[in-house]
Structure formats: C-alpha cells, structure tokens
Amino acid sequence: MEKFVEQTFLFDFYGELLTERQRQVYTSVVFEDYSLSEVAEELGISRQGVHDMIKRCNKTLEEYEQKLHLVEKFLSVKEKVSKIDDTLAEWECEKNDPEEMVKRIRKIADAIIEEL
C-alpha cells in the first residue's frame, strides 16, 4: 500500500489515540505538507523534535494496527462489499440464474459476518 494512503488509514482509525500535540504535529507535516522547520518554528521546538515526534507517531499507529487490525479488517470488508456489488451488476446485465447469484452473495456476506 502506498505510504501516504497507509498513513491516512492509520491516522483515521487510531489518530484519536495520539495526544493533541502529536495529532497537531502529525497533521501539519503529513497531511498539510508543512516542513519540519515550519512546524518546529510554530511550536517552539527543534526540527529534530518534530522529526522524532513524527517517527514516534508512525510507530505508535503501526503498533495499534498490529494489535487491533482495524485497517486490515476494513479493507477486507470493503473488498467483499465490492464483490457483492460486482455480482449484483453481473446479475442485472446478464440475467443469470437468481438462485446461483443469491448463493454467491450469501457466501460473500457470510465471509463479512465471520470477519466482523
């Protein structure tokens, strides 16, 4: 997964578990594209301090994911819902056997329920 997309997902799921200051620094550098120097000057800390905080935040967010797997589960469910949507689109276009389509959708739905 692209690093920025991964950081976005991790922050979306676990960002509230960071301190207010960590969220402020992380958001400024990662999402608002401020330089380390700009953030350091604004907050009255060193550039190295900002850099270290970003590294610690990334490590913390990754540790949360390793323990909780919320992003992994979200992406898996999203993929399965997409399969349901594709199956329904195929059903509408090709007028396939309704019983077979229901079985396929049920199988995907059961996988989602099992995962949750």
N, C-alpha and C. Protein backbone atom coordinates (compact mmCIF):
# COMPACT_ATOMS: atom_id res chain seq x y z
N MET A 1 0.85 -1.17 0.00
CA MET A 1 0.00 0.00 0.00
C MET A 1 0.90 1.24 0.00
N GLU A 2 0.53 2.23 -0.77
CA GLU A 2 1.30 3.46 -0.82
C GLU A 2 1.42 4.04 0.58
N LYS A 3 2.61 4.56 0.92
CA LYS A 3 2.89 5.02 2.27
C LYS A 3 1.88 6.08 2.74
N PHE A 4 1.56 7.06 1.90
CA PHE A 4 0.64 8.12 2.31
C PHE A 4 -0.75 7.56 2.58
N VAL A 5 -1.21 6.65 1.73
CA VAL A 5 -2.53 6.05 1.92
C VAL A 5 -2.53 5.25 3.22
N GLU A 6 -1.46 4.52 3.47
CA GLU A 6 -1.35 3.75 4.71
C GLU A 6 -1.39 4.68 5.92
N GLN A 7 -0.63 5.78 5.87
CA GLN A 7 -0.62 6.73 6.97
C GLN A 7 -2.01 7.32 7.19
N THR A 8 -2.71 7.60 6.10
CA THR A 8 -4.05 8.17 6.20
C THR A 8 -5.00 7.20 6.89
N PHE A 9 -4.98 5.95 6.48
CA PHE A 9 -5.84 4.95 7.12
C PHE A 9 -5.50 4.80 8.60
N LEU A 10 -4.22 4.68 8.89
CA LEU A 10 -3.82 4.51 10.29
C LEU A 10 -4.26 5.70 11.14
N PHE A 11 -4.08 6.89 10.61
CA PHE A 11 -4.48 8.09 11.36
C PHE A 11 -6.00 8.15 11.50
N ASP A 12 -6.73 7.80 10.44
CA ASP A 12 -8.19 7.82 10.51
C ASP A 12 -8.71 6.87 11.60
N PHE A 13 -8.10 5.71 11.72
CA PHE A 13 -8.57 4.73 12.68
C PHE A 13 -8.03 4.95 14.09
N TYR A 14 -6.79 5.40 14.20
CA TYR A 14 -6.16 5.46 15.52
C TYR A 14 -5.69 6.86 15.94
N GLY A 15 -5.88 7.84 15.11
CA GLY A 15 -5.37 9.18 15.40
C GLY A 15 -5.86 9.76 16.72
N GLU A 16 -7.09 9.44 17.08
CA GLU A 16 -7.64 9.97 18.33
C GLU A 16 -6.92 9.41 19.56
N LEU A 17 -6.14 8.36 19.38
CA LEU A 17 -5.40 7.79 20.50
C LEU A 17 -4.07 8.50 20.73
N LEU A 18 -3.69 9.37 19.81
CA LEU A 18 -2.49 10.19 19.98
C LEU A 18 -2.85 11.39 20.87
N THR A 19 -1.82 12.01 21.44
CA THR A 19 -2.08 13.23 22.22
C THR A 19 -2.45 14.36 21.26
N GLU A 20 -3.02 15.41 21.81
CA GLU A 20 -3.41 16.57 20.99
C GLU A 20 -2.19 17.14 20.26
N ARG A 21 -1.09 17.24 20.96
CA ARG A 21 0.14 17.79 20.34
C ARG A 21 0.65 16.87 19.23
N GLN A 22 0.63 15.58 19.48
CA GLN A 22 1.06 14.64 18.44
C GLN A 22 0.17 14.75 17.21
N ARG A 23 -1.14 14.82 17.42
CA ARG A 23 -2.07 14.97 16.29
C ARG A 23 -1.79 16.26 15.53
N GLN A 24 -1.54 17.34 16.26
CA GLN A 24 -1.26 18.63 15.63
C GLN A 24 -0.01 18.56 14.75
N VAL A 25 1.06 18.01 15.28
CA VAL A 25 2.31 17.90 14.53
C VAL A 25 2.14 16.95 13.35
N TYR A 26 1.55 15.80 13.59
CA TYR A 26 1.37 14.79 12.54
C TYR A 26 0.52 15.33 11.40
N THR A 27 -0.57 15.97 11.73
CA THR A 27 -1.46 16.53 10.72
C THR A 27 -0.74 17.60 9.90
N SER A 28 -0.01 18.47 10.59
CA SER A 28 0.70 19.55 9.88
C SER A 28 1.72 19.01 8.89
N VAL A 29 2.51 18.03 9.32
CA VAL A 29 3.58 17.51 8.46
C VAL A 29 3.05 16.55 7.40
N VAL A 30 2.24 15.59 7.81
CA VAL A 30 1.83 14.53 6.89
C VAL A 30 0.72 14.98 5.95
N PHE A 31 -0.29 15.66 6.47
CA PHE A 31 -1.47 15.96 5.67
C PHE A 31 -1.47 17.37 5.08
N GLU A 32 -0.90 18.31 5.82
CA GLU A 32 -0.90 19.70 5.33
C GLU A 32 0.41 20.06 4.65
N ASP A 33 1.36 19.13 4.63
CA ASP A 33 2.63 19.26 3.91
C ASP A 33 3.49 20.43 4.38
N TYR A 34 3.40 20.76 5.67
CA TYR A 34 4.31 21.75 6.23
C TYR A 34 5.67 21.10 6.39
N SER A 35 6.72 21.91 6.30
CA SER A 35 8.07 21.38 6.50
C SER A 35 8.31 21.19 7.99
N LEU A 36 9.29 20.38 8.32
CA LEU A 36 9.64 20.18 9.72
C LEU A 36 10.04 21.50 10.36
N SER A 37 10.75 22.32 9.61
CA SER A 37 11.20 23.61 10.12
C SER A 37 10.02 24.53 10.41
N GLU A 38 9.03 24.55 9.52
CA GLU A 38 7.85 25.40 9.73
C GLU A 38 7.10 24.99 11.00
N VAL A 39 6.92 23.69 11.18
CA VAL A 39 6.20 23.21 12.36
C VAL A 39 7.02 23.48 13.62
N ALA A 40 8.32 23.25 13.55
CA ALA A 40 9.19 23.49 14.70
C ALA A 40 9.13 24.96 15.13
N GLU A 41 9.19 25.84 14.16
CA GLU A 41 9.14 27.28 14.46
C GLU A 41 7.78 27.66 15.09
N GLU A 42 6.73 27.14 14.52
CA GLU A 42 5.38 27.45 15.02
C GLU A 42 5.18 26.98 16.46
N LEU A 43 5.74 25.81 16.78
CA LEU A 43 5.52 25.22 18.10
C LEU A 43 6.64 25.52 19.10
N GLY A 44 7.70 26.15 18.62
CA GLY A 44 8.81 26.48 19.51
C GLY A 44 9.62 25.28 19.95
N ILE A 45 9.76 24.31 19.06
CA ILE A 45 10.59 23.15 19.34
C ILE A 45 11.60 22.99 18.20
N SER A 46 12.52 22.07 18.35
CA SER A 46 13.54 21.89 17.32
C SER A 46 12.99 21.10 16.13
N ARG A 47 13.65 21.25 15.01
CA ARG A 47 13.31 20.50 13.81
C ARG A 47 13.44 19.00 14.09
N GLN A 48 14.51 18.65 14.82
CA GLN A 48 14.74 17.25 15.19
C GLN A 48 13.61 16.73 16.08
N GLY A 49 13.11 17.58 16.95
CA GLY A 49 11.99 17.21 17.82
C GLY A 49 10.75 16.88 17.02
N VAL A 50 10.49 17.67 15.97
CA VAL A 50 9.35 17.40 15.10
C VAL A 50 9.56 16.08 14.37
N HIS A 51 10.75 15.88 13.84
CA HIS A 51 11.08 14.65 13.13
C HIS A 51 10.89 13.43 14.04
N ASP A 52 11.41 13.51 15.25
CA ASP A 52 11.28 12.40 16.20
C ASP A 52 9.82 12.12 16.54
N MET A 53 9.03 13.19 16.70
CA MET A 53 7.62 13.01 17.03
C MET A 53 6.87 12.32 15.90
N ILE A 54 7.18 12.68 14.66
CA ILE A 54 6.54 12.03 13.50
C ILE A 54 6.89 10.55 13.47
N LYS A 55 8.17 10.23 13.71
CA LYS A 55 8.58 8.82 13.74
C LYS A 55 7.87 8.06 14.85
N ARG A 56 7.79 8.67 16.04
CA ARG A 56 7.10 8.02 17.16
C ARG A 56 5.62 7.82 16.86
N CYS A 57 5.00 8.82 16.24
CA CYS A 57 3.58 8.71 15.89
C CYS A 57 3.37 7.57 14.89
N ASN A 58 4.20 7.52 13.86
CA ASN A 58 4.09 6.43 12.88
C ASN A 58 4.24 5.07 13.55
N LYS A 59 5.22 4.95 14.43
CA LYS A 59 5.45 3.69 15.13
C LYS A 59 4.25 3.34 16.00
N THR A 60 3.73 4.32 16.72
CA THR A 60 2.58 4.09 17.59
C THR A 60 1.36 3.66 16.79
N LEU A 61 1.08 4.34 15.69
CA LEU A 61 -0.07 3.99 14.86
C LEU A 61 0.08 2.59 14.28
N GLU A 62 1.29 2.25 13.85
CA GLU A 62 1.54 0.91 13.31
C GLU A 62 1.39 -0.16 14.39
N GLU A 63 1.79 0.15 15.62
CA GLU A 63 1.63 -0.80 16.71
C GLU A 63 0.16 -1.05 17.03
N TYR A 64 -0.63 0.02 17.00
CA TYR A 64 -2.07 -0.15 17.20
C TYR A 64 -2.65 -1.09 16.14
N GLU A 65 -2.25 -0.89 14.89
CA GLU A 65 -2.76 -1.74 13.81
C GLU A 65 -2.31 -3.18 13.99
N GLN A 66 -1.07 -3.39 14.41
CA GLN A 66 -0.59 -4.76 14.63
C GLN A 66 -1.40 -5.47 15.71
N LYS A 67 -1.88 -4.72 16.69
CA LYS A 67 -2.65 -5.32 17.78
C LYS A 67 -4.13 -5.45 17.45
N LEU A 68 -4.69 -4.45 16.77
CA LEU A 68 -6.14 -4.40 16.58
C LEU A 68 -6.62 -4.80 15.18
N HIS A 69 -5.80 -4.61 14.17
CA HIS A 69 -6.11 -4.99 12.79
C HIS A 69 -7.37 -4.32 12.23
N LEU A 70 -7.69 -3.13 12.68
CA LEU A 70 -8.91 -2.47 12.21
C LEU A 70 -8.81 -2.05 10.74
N VAL A 71 -7.67 -1.54 10.33
CA VAL A 71 -7.50 -1.13 8.92
C VAL A 71 -7.57 -2.36 8.03
N GLU A 72 -6.89 -3.41 8.43
CA GLU A 72 -6.90 -4.67 7.66
C GLU A 72 -8.33 -5.19 7.50
N LYS A 73 -9.08 -5.20 8.57
CA LYS A 73 -10.47 -5.68 8.51
C LYS A 73 -11.33 -4.78 7.63
N PHE A 74 -11.13 -3.46 7.78
CA PHE A 74 -11.88 -2.51 6.97
C PHE A 74 -11.64 -2.75 5.48
N LEU A 75 -10.38 -2.89 5.10
CA LEU A 75 -10.05 -3.09 3.68
C LEU A 75 -10.59 -4.41 3.16
N SER A 76 -10.56 -5.43 4.01
CA SER A 76 -11.09 -6.73 3.61
C SER A 76 -12.61 -6.66 3.40
N VAL A 77 -13.31 -6.03 4.32
CA VAL A 77 -14.77 -5.90 4.19
C VAL A 77 -15.10 -5.05 2.97
N LYS A 78 -14.34 -3.99 2.76
CA LYS A 78 -14.56 -3.13 1.59
C LYS A 78 -14.43 -3.94 0.30
N GLU A 79 -13.43 -4.80 0.24
CA GLU A 79 -13.23 -5.64 -0.95
C GLU A 79 -14.41 -6.60 -1.15
N LYS A 80 -14.89 -7.18 -0.07
CA LYS A 80 -16.01 -8.11 -0.17
C LYS A 80 -17.30 -7.41 -0.57
N VAL A 81 -17.53 -6.22 -0.06
CA VAL A 81 -18.72 -5.46 -0.45
C VAL A 81 -18.63 -5.11 -1.94
N SER A 82 -17.44 -4.82 -2.41
CA SER A 82 -17.24 -4.55 -3.83
C SER A 82 -17.58 -5.79 -4.67
N LYS A 83 -17.23 -6.96 -4.16
CA LYS A 83 -17.57 -8.21 -4.86
C LYS A 83 -19.09 -8.39 -4.93
N ILE A 84 -19.77 -8.05 -3.84
CA ILE A 84 -21.24 -8.13 -3.85
C ILE A 84 -21.79 -7.19 -4.91
N ASP A 85 -21.27 -5.99 -4.96
CA ASP A 85 -21.72 -5.01 -5.95
C ASP A 85 -21.47 -5.51 -7.37
N ASP A 86 -20.29 -6.10 -7.60
CA ASP A 86 -19.97 -6.65 -8.92
C ASP A 86 -20.91 -7.79 -9.28
N THR A 87 -21.22 -8.64 -8.30
CA THR A 87 -22.11 -9.76 -8.54
C THR A 87 -23.51 -9.27 -8.91
N LEU A 88 -23.98 -8.27 -8.19
CA LEU A 88 -25.30 -7.70 -8.50
C LEU A 88 -25.32 -7.06 -9.88
N ALA A 89 -24.25 -6.37 -10.25
CA ALA A 89 -24.17 -5.75 -11.57
C ALA A 89 -24.18 -6.82 -12.66
N GLU A 90 -23.47 -7.91 -12.42
CA GLU A 90 -23.45 -9.02 -13.37
C GLU A 90 -24.85 -9.62 -13.50
N TRP A 91 -25.52 -9.77 -12.40
CA TRP A 91 -26.87 -10.32 -12.37
C TRP A 91 -27.81 -9.44 -13.18
N GLU A 92 -27.72 -8.14 -13.00
CA GLU A 92 -28.59 -7.22 -13.72
C GLU A 92 -28.33 -7.23 -15.23
N CYS A 93 -27.07 -7.34 -15.59
CA CYS A 93 -26.71 -7.29 -17.01
C CYS A 93 -26.99 -8.59 -17.75
N GLU A 94 -26.69 -9.69 -17.11
CA GLU A 94 -26.74 -10.97 -17.81
C GLU A 94 -27.96 -11.81 -17.48
N LYS A 95 -28.73 -11.38 -16.53
CA LYS A 95 -29.93 -12.14 -16.13
C LYS A 95 -29.58 -13.60 -15.85
N ASN A 96 -28.54 -13.77 -15.02
CA ASN A 96 -28.11 -15.12 -14.62
C ASN A 96 -29.14 -15.77 -13.70
N ASP A 97 -28.90 -17.03 -13.42
CA ASP A 97 -29.75 -17.81 -12.53
C ASP A 97 -29.83 -17.12 -11.17
N PRO A 98 -31.03 -16.70 -10.76
CA PRO A 98 -31.17 -15.98 -9.48
C PRO A 98 -30.68 -16.78 -8.28
N GLU A 99 -30.95 -18.07 -8.27
CA GLU A 99 -30.52 -18.88 -7.14
C GLU A 99 -29.01 -18.91 -7.01
N GLU A 100 -28.31 -19.00 -8.14
CA GLU A 100 -26.84 -19.02 -8.12
C GLU A 100 -26.30 -17.67 -7.63
N MET A 101 -26.91 -16.59 -8.08
CA MET A 101 -26.47 -15.26 -7.66
C MET A 101 -26.70 -15.06 -6.16
N VAL A 102 -27.83 -15.52 -5.66
CA VAL A 102 -28.12 -15.40 -4.23
C VAL A 102 -27.10 -16.21 -3.43
N LYS A 103 -26.75 -17.38 -3.90
CA LYS A 103 -25.74 -18.20 -3.22
C LYS A 103 -24.40 -17.49 -3.18
N ARG A 104 -24.01 -16.87 -4.30
CA ARG A 104 -22.73 -16.15 -4.35
C ARG A 104 -22.72 -14.97 -3.39
N ILE A 105 -23.82 -14.23 -3.38
CA ILE A 105 -23.91 -13.08 -2.49
C ILE A 105 -23.92 -13.53 -1.04
N ARG A 106 -24.67 -14.57 -0.75
CA ARG A 106 -24.74 -15.11 0.62
C ARG A 106 -23.36 -15.55 1.09
N LYS A 107 -22.59 -16.20 0.22
CA LYS A 107 -21.25 -16.66 0.58
C LYS A 107 -20.35 -15.47 0.95
N ILE A 108 -20.42 -14.40 0.17
CA ILE A 108 -19.62 -13.21 0.45
C ILE A 108 -20.09 -12.56 1.74
N ALA A 109 -21.41 -12.45 1.91
CA ALA A 109 -21.97 -11.85 3.13
C ALA A 109 -21.56 -12.65 4.37
N ASP A 110 -21.59 -13.96 4.26
CA ASP A 110 -21.17 -14.82 5.38
C ASP A 110 -19.71 -14.59 5.73
N ALA A 111 -18.87 -14.39 4.72
CA ALA A 111 -17.46 -14.11 4.95
C ALA A 111 -17.27 -12.78 5.68
N ILE A 112 -18.08 -11.80 5.33
CA ILE A 112 -18.01 -10.50 6.00
C ILE A 112 -18.42 -10.66 7.47
N ILE A 113 -19.53 -11.34 7.69
CA ILE A 113 -20.02 -11.53 9.06
C ILE A 113 -19.00 -12.29 9.90
N GLU A 114 -18.40 -13.31 9.31
CA GLU A 114 -17.38 -14.09 10.01
C GLU A 114 -16.19 -13.20 10.42
N GLU A 115 -15.82 -12.32 9.52
CA GLU A 115 -14.67 -11.45 9.75
C GLU A 115 -14.95 -10.43 10.85
N LEU A 116 -16.19 -9.98 10.92
CA LEU A 116 -16.53 -8.99 11.94
C LEU A 116 -16.73 -9.66 13.28
